[in-house]
Amino acid sequence: MSEERLEEIKQIRKNMQEFVDFDGYVEDYPRYDEQALFIVDDGHLDWLIEQVERVQELEEQNQGLHIMYDVRLAKFDKLEQQNKRQRKLIKDMAQEIEVLTDIMSNADNADELNEEVIRLKGMRGYENV
């Protein structure tokens, strides 16, 4: 319906242009005015105004969505950086645990230390570390 109406308005405009010369002067006012009345009387002008208002509403909504997207993207980037830092920290901690485990393995009381490490790993859920 909207597309058909727009095509009808375009045709009326084209018809109006037939009554205007190259300099922009109207050559046949009665027929020109008749076409202009079609736009007003058939509600085309009101419909065009409604369409413009709807476009403005959609542009405002679109702008709001862009702002929300930018905010969420910034939050995502912040979380991604935090995730990278935490992964590095976990990796560094795992390396430190490995070094400490090597040190404890070579200590005089290595058996007691290893038992304690196993006990602590079990308590904290580090069975695979």
C-alpha atoms as a PDB file:
ATOM      1  CA  MET A   1       0.000   0.000   0.000  1.00  0.00           C
ATOM      2  CA  SER A   2       2.731   2.465   0.955  1.00  0.00           C
ATOM      3  CA  GLU A   3       4.741   1.763  -2.169  1.00  0.00           C
ATOM      4  CA  GLU A   4       1.649   2.116  -4.352  1.00  0.00           C
ATOM      5  CA  ARG A   5       0.748   5.383  -2.681  1.00  0.00           C
ATOM      6  CA  LEU A   6       4.248   6.741  -3.148  1.00  0.00           C
ATOM      7  CA  GLU A   7       4.135   5.794  -6.832  1.00  0.00           C
ATOM      8  CA  GLU A   8       0.796   7.588  -7.154  1.00  0.00           C
ATOM      9  CA  ILE A   9       2.275  10.729  -5.586  1.00  0.00           C
ATOM     10  CA  LYS A  10       5.273  10.542  -7.914  1.00  0.00           C
ATOM     11  CA  GLN A  11       2.925  10.284 -10.890  1.00  0.00           C
ATOM     12  CA  ILE A  12       0.956  13.336  -9.729  1.00  0.00           C
ATOM     13  CA  ARG A  13       4.219  15.265  -9.352  1.00  0.00           C
ATOM     14  CA  LYS A  14       5.285  14.171 -12.833  1.00  0.00           C
ATOM     15  CA  ASN A  15       1.926  15.326 -14.193  1.00  0.00           C
ATOM     16  CA  MET A  16       2.395  18.696 -12.471  1.00  0.00           C
ATOM     17  CA  GLN A  17       5.813  19.122 -14.079  1.00  0.00           C
ATOM     18  CA  GLU A  18       4.226  18.809 -17.512  1.00  0.00           C
ATOM     19  CA  PHE A  19       2.512  22.150 -16.914  1.00  0.00           C
ATOM     20  CA  VAL A  20       5.712  23.973 -15.977  1.00  0.00           C
ATOM     21  CA  ASP A  21       8.113  25.376 -18.576  1.00  0.00           C
ATOM     22  CA  PHE A  22      11.910  25.200 -18.525  1.00  0.00           C
ATOM     23  CA  ASP A  23      12.176  28.464 -16.574  1.00  0.00           C
ATOM     24  CA  GLY A  24       9.925  27.133 -13.793  1.00  0.00           C
ATOM     25  CA  TYR A  25       6.830  29.108 -14.762  1.00  0.00           C
ATOM     26  CA  VAL A  26       3.434  27.414 -14.707  1.00  0.00           C
ATOM     27  CA  GLU A  27       1.942  27.394 -18.222  1.00  0.00           C
ATOM     28  CA  ASP A  28      -1.491  25.950 -17.413  1.00  0.00           C
ATOM     29  CA  TYR A  29      -2.638  26.947 -13.920  1.00  0.00           C
ATOM     30  CA  PRO A  30      -6.035  25.187 -13.978  1.00  0.00           C
ATOM     31  CA  ARG A  31      -4.536  21.793 -14.821  1.00  0.00           C
ATOM     32  CA  TYR A  32      -1.552  22.384 -12.499  1.00  0.00           C
ATOM     33  CA  ASP A  33      -3.913  23.283  -9.638  1.00  0.00           C
ATOM     34  CA  GLU A  34      -6.026  20.206 -10.395  1.00  0.00           C
ATOM     35  CA  GLN A  35      -2.989  17.991  -9.854  1.00  0.00           C
ATOM     36  CA  ALA A  36      -2.056  19.901  -6.687  1.00  0.00           C
ATOM     37  CA  LEU A  37      -5.555  19.299  -5.327  1.00  0.00           C
ATOM     38  CA  PHE A  38      -5.114  15.555  -5.859  1.00  0.00           C
ATOM     39  CA  ILE A  39      -2.204  15.656  -3.446  1.00  0.00           C
ATOM     40  CA  VAL A  40      -4.187  17.544  -0.805  1.00  0.00           C
ATOM     41  CA  ASP A  41      -7.679  16.084  -1.287  1.00  0.00           C
ATOM     42  CA  ASP A  42      -6.577  12.456  -1.434  1.00  0.00           C
ATOM     43  CA  GLY A  43      -4.694  12.824   1.843  1.00  0.00           C
ATOM     44  CA  HIS A  44      -1.323  12.359   0.194  1.00  0.00           C
ATOM     45  CA  LEU A  45       0.140  15.432   1.877  1.00  0.00           C
ATOM     46  CA  ASP A  46      -0.903  14.211   5.332  1.00  0.00           C
ATOM     47  CA  TRP A  47       0.474  10.775   4.542  1.00  0.00           C
ATOM     48  CA  LEU A  48       3.820  12.268   3.461  1.00  0.00           C
ATOM     49  CA  ILE A  49       3.997  14.279   6.698  1.00  0.00           C
ATOM     50  CA  GLU A  50       3.294  11.108   8.713  1.00  0.00           C
ATOM     51  CA  GLN A  51       6.052   9.304   6.835  1.00  0.00           C
ATOM     52  CA  VAL A  52       8.539  12.081   7.589  1.00  0.00           C
ATOM     53  CA  GLU A  53       7.568  12.007  11.278  1.00  0.00           C
ATOM     54  CA  ARG A  54       7.987   8.227  11.345  1.00  0.00           C
ATOM     55  CA  VAL A  55      11.415   8.523   9.742  1.00  0.00           C
ATOM     56  CA  GLN A  56      12.411  11.032  12.435  1.00  0.00           C
ATOM     57  CA  GLU A  57      11.214   8.631  15.163  1.00  0.00           C
ATOM     58  CA  LEU A  58      13.165   5.761  13.616  1.00  0.00           C
ATOM     59  CA  GLU A  59      16.301   7.895  13.308  1.00  0.00           C
ATOM     60  CA  GLU A  60      16.043   8.782  17.017  1.00  0.00           C
ATOM     61  CA  GLN A  61      15.589   5.120  17.929  1.00  0.00           C
ATOM     62  CA  ASN A  62      18.518   4.204  15.707  1.00  0.00           C
ATOM     63  CA  GLN A  63      20.698   6.821  17.395  1.00  0.00           C
ATOM     64  CA  GLY A  64      19.705   5.421  20.804  1.00  0.00           C
ATOM     65  CA  LEU A  65      20.586   1.921  19.670  1.00  0.00           C
ATOM     66  CA  HIS A  66      23.982   3.120  18.434  1.00  0.00           C
ATOM     67  CA  ILE A  67      24.666   4.689  21.831  1.00  0.00           C
ATOM     68  CA  MET A  68      23.653   1.471  23.608  1.00  0.00           C
ATOM     69  CA  TYR A  69      25.865  -0.532  21.238  1.00  0.00           C
ATOM     70  CA  ASP A  70      28.848   1.735  21.897  1.00  0.00           C
ATOM     71  CA  VAL A  71      28.364   1.434  25.670  1.00  0.00           C
ATOM     72  CA  ARG A  72      28.121  -2.344  25.490  1.00  0.00           C
ATOM     73  CA  LEU A  73      31.117  -2.554  23.184  1.00  0.00           C
ATOM     74  CA  ALA A  74      33.181  -0.504  25.633  1.00  0.00           C
ATOM     75  CA  LYS A  75      32.030  -2.766  28.483  1.00  0.00           C
ATOM     76  CA  PHE A  76      32.887  -5.848  26.419  1.00  0.00           C
ATOM     77  CA  ASP A  77      36.367  -4.459  25.679  1.00  0.00           C
ATOM     78  CA  LYS A  78      36.891  -3.754  29.375  1.00  0.00           C
ATOM     79  CA  LEU A  79      35.821  -7.300  30.309  1.00  0.00           C
ATOM     80  CA  GLU A  80      38.024  -8.738  27.573  1.00  0.00           C
ATOM     81  CA  GLN A  81      41.054  -6.883  28.974  1.00  0.00           C
ATOM     82  CA  GLN A  82      40.175  -8.053  32.485  1.00  0.00           C
ATOM     83  CA  ASN A  83      39.902 -11.618  31.194  1.00  0.00           C
ATOM     84  CA  LYS A  84      43.360 -11.357  29.588  1.00  0.00           C
ATOM     85  CA  ARG A  85      44.875 -10.071  32.832  1.00  0.00           C
ATOM     86  CA  GLN A  86      43.252 -12.882  34.830  1.00  0.00           C
ATOM     87  CA  ARG A  87      44.439 -15.539  32.366  1.00  0.00           C
ATOM     88  CA  LYS A  88      47.981 -14.183  32.613  1.00  0.00           C
ATOM     89  CA  LEU A  89      47.765 -14.170  36.391  1.00  0.00           C
ATOM     90  CA  ILE A  90      46.561 -17.787  36.415  1.00  0.00           C
ATOM     91  CA  LYS A  91      49.366 -18.778  34.039  1.00  0.00           C
ATOM     92  CA  ASP A  92      51.947 -16.997  36.203  1.00  0.00           C
ATOM     93  CA  MET A  93      50.561 -18.645  39.342  1.00  0.00           C
ATOM     94  CA  ALA A  94      50.736 -22.064  37.702  1.00  0.00           C
ATOM     95  CA  GLN A  95      54.398 -21.451  36.845  1.00  0.00           C
ATOM     96  CA  GLU A  96      55.097 -20.356  40.412  1.00  0.00           C
ATOM     97  CA  ILE A  97      53.396 -23.500  41.748  1.00  0.00           C
ATOM     98  CA  GLU A  98      55.555 -25.589  39.436  1.00  0.00           C
ATOM     99  CA  VAL A  99      58.720 -23.878  40.680  1.00  0.00           C
ATOM    100  CA  LEU A 100      57.652 -24.250  44.315  1.00  0.00           C
ATOM    101  CA  THR A 101      56.814 -27.904  43.710  1.00  0.00           C
ATOM    102  CA  ASP A 102      60.312 -28.473  42.291  1.00  0.00           C
ATOM    103  CA  ILE A 103      61.852 -26.714  45.293  1.00  0.00           C
ATOM    104  CA  MET A 104      59.772 -28.743  47.743  1.00  0.00           C
ATOM    105  CA  SER A 105      60.621 -31.985  45.953  1.00  0.00           C
ATOM    106  CA  ASN A 106      64.292 -31.372  46.601  1.00  0.00           C
ATOM    107  CA  ALA A 107      63.858 -30.302  50.247  1.00  0.00           C
ATOM    108  CA  ASP A 108      64.880 -32.516  53.173  1.00  0.00           C
ATOM    109  CA  ASN A 109      61.282 -32.943  54.248  1.00  0.00           C
ATOM    110  CA  ALA A 110      59.947 -33.408  50.681  1.00  0.00           C
ATOM    111  CA  ASP A 111      57.592 -36.229  51.594  1.00  0.00           C
ATOM    112  CA  GLU A 112      55.826 -34.142  54.247  1.00  0.00           C
ATOM    113  CA  LEU A 113      55.644 -31.130  51.936  1.00  0.00           C
ATOM    114  CA  ASN A 114      54.250 -33.197  49.056  1.00  0.00           C
ATOM    115  CA  GLU A 115      51.557 -34.625  51.328  1.00  0.00           C
ATOM    116  CA  GLU A 116      50.649 -31.089  52.392  1.00  0.00           C
ATOM    117  CA  VAL A 117      50.515 -29.913  48.764  1.00  0.00           C
ATOM    118  CA  ILE A 118      48.231 -32.822  47.863  1.00  0.00           C
ATOM    119  CA  ARG A 119      46.005 -32.044  50.836  1.00  0.00           C
ATOM    120  CA  LEU A 120      45.806 -28.321  49.951  1.00  0.00           C
ATOM    121  CA  LYS A 121      45.138 -29.051  46.281  1.00  0.00           C
ATOM    122  CA  GLY A 122      42.262 -31.313  47.246  1.00  0.00           C
ATOM    123  CA  MET A 123      40.781 -28.672  49.568  1.00  0.00           C
ATOM    124  CA  ARG A 124      40.934 -25.946  46.961  1.00  0.00           C
ATOM    125  CA  GLY A 125      39.884 -27.993  43.940  1.00  0.00           C
ATOM    126  CA  TYR A 126      43.291 -27.914  42.227  1.00  0.00           C
ATOM    127  CA  GLU A 127      43.496 -31.606  41.456  1.00  0.00           C
ATOM    128  CA  ASN A 128      44.735 -30.927  37.919  1.00  0.00           C
ATOM    129  CA  VAL A 129      47.335 -28.282  38.824  1.00  0.00           C
END
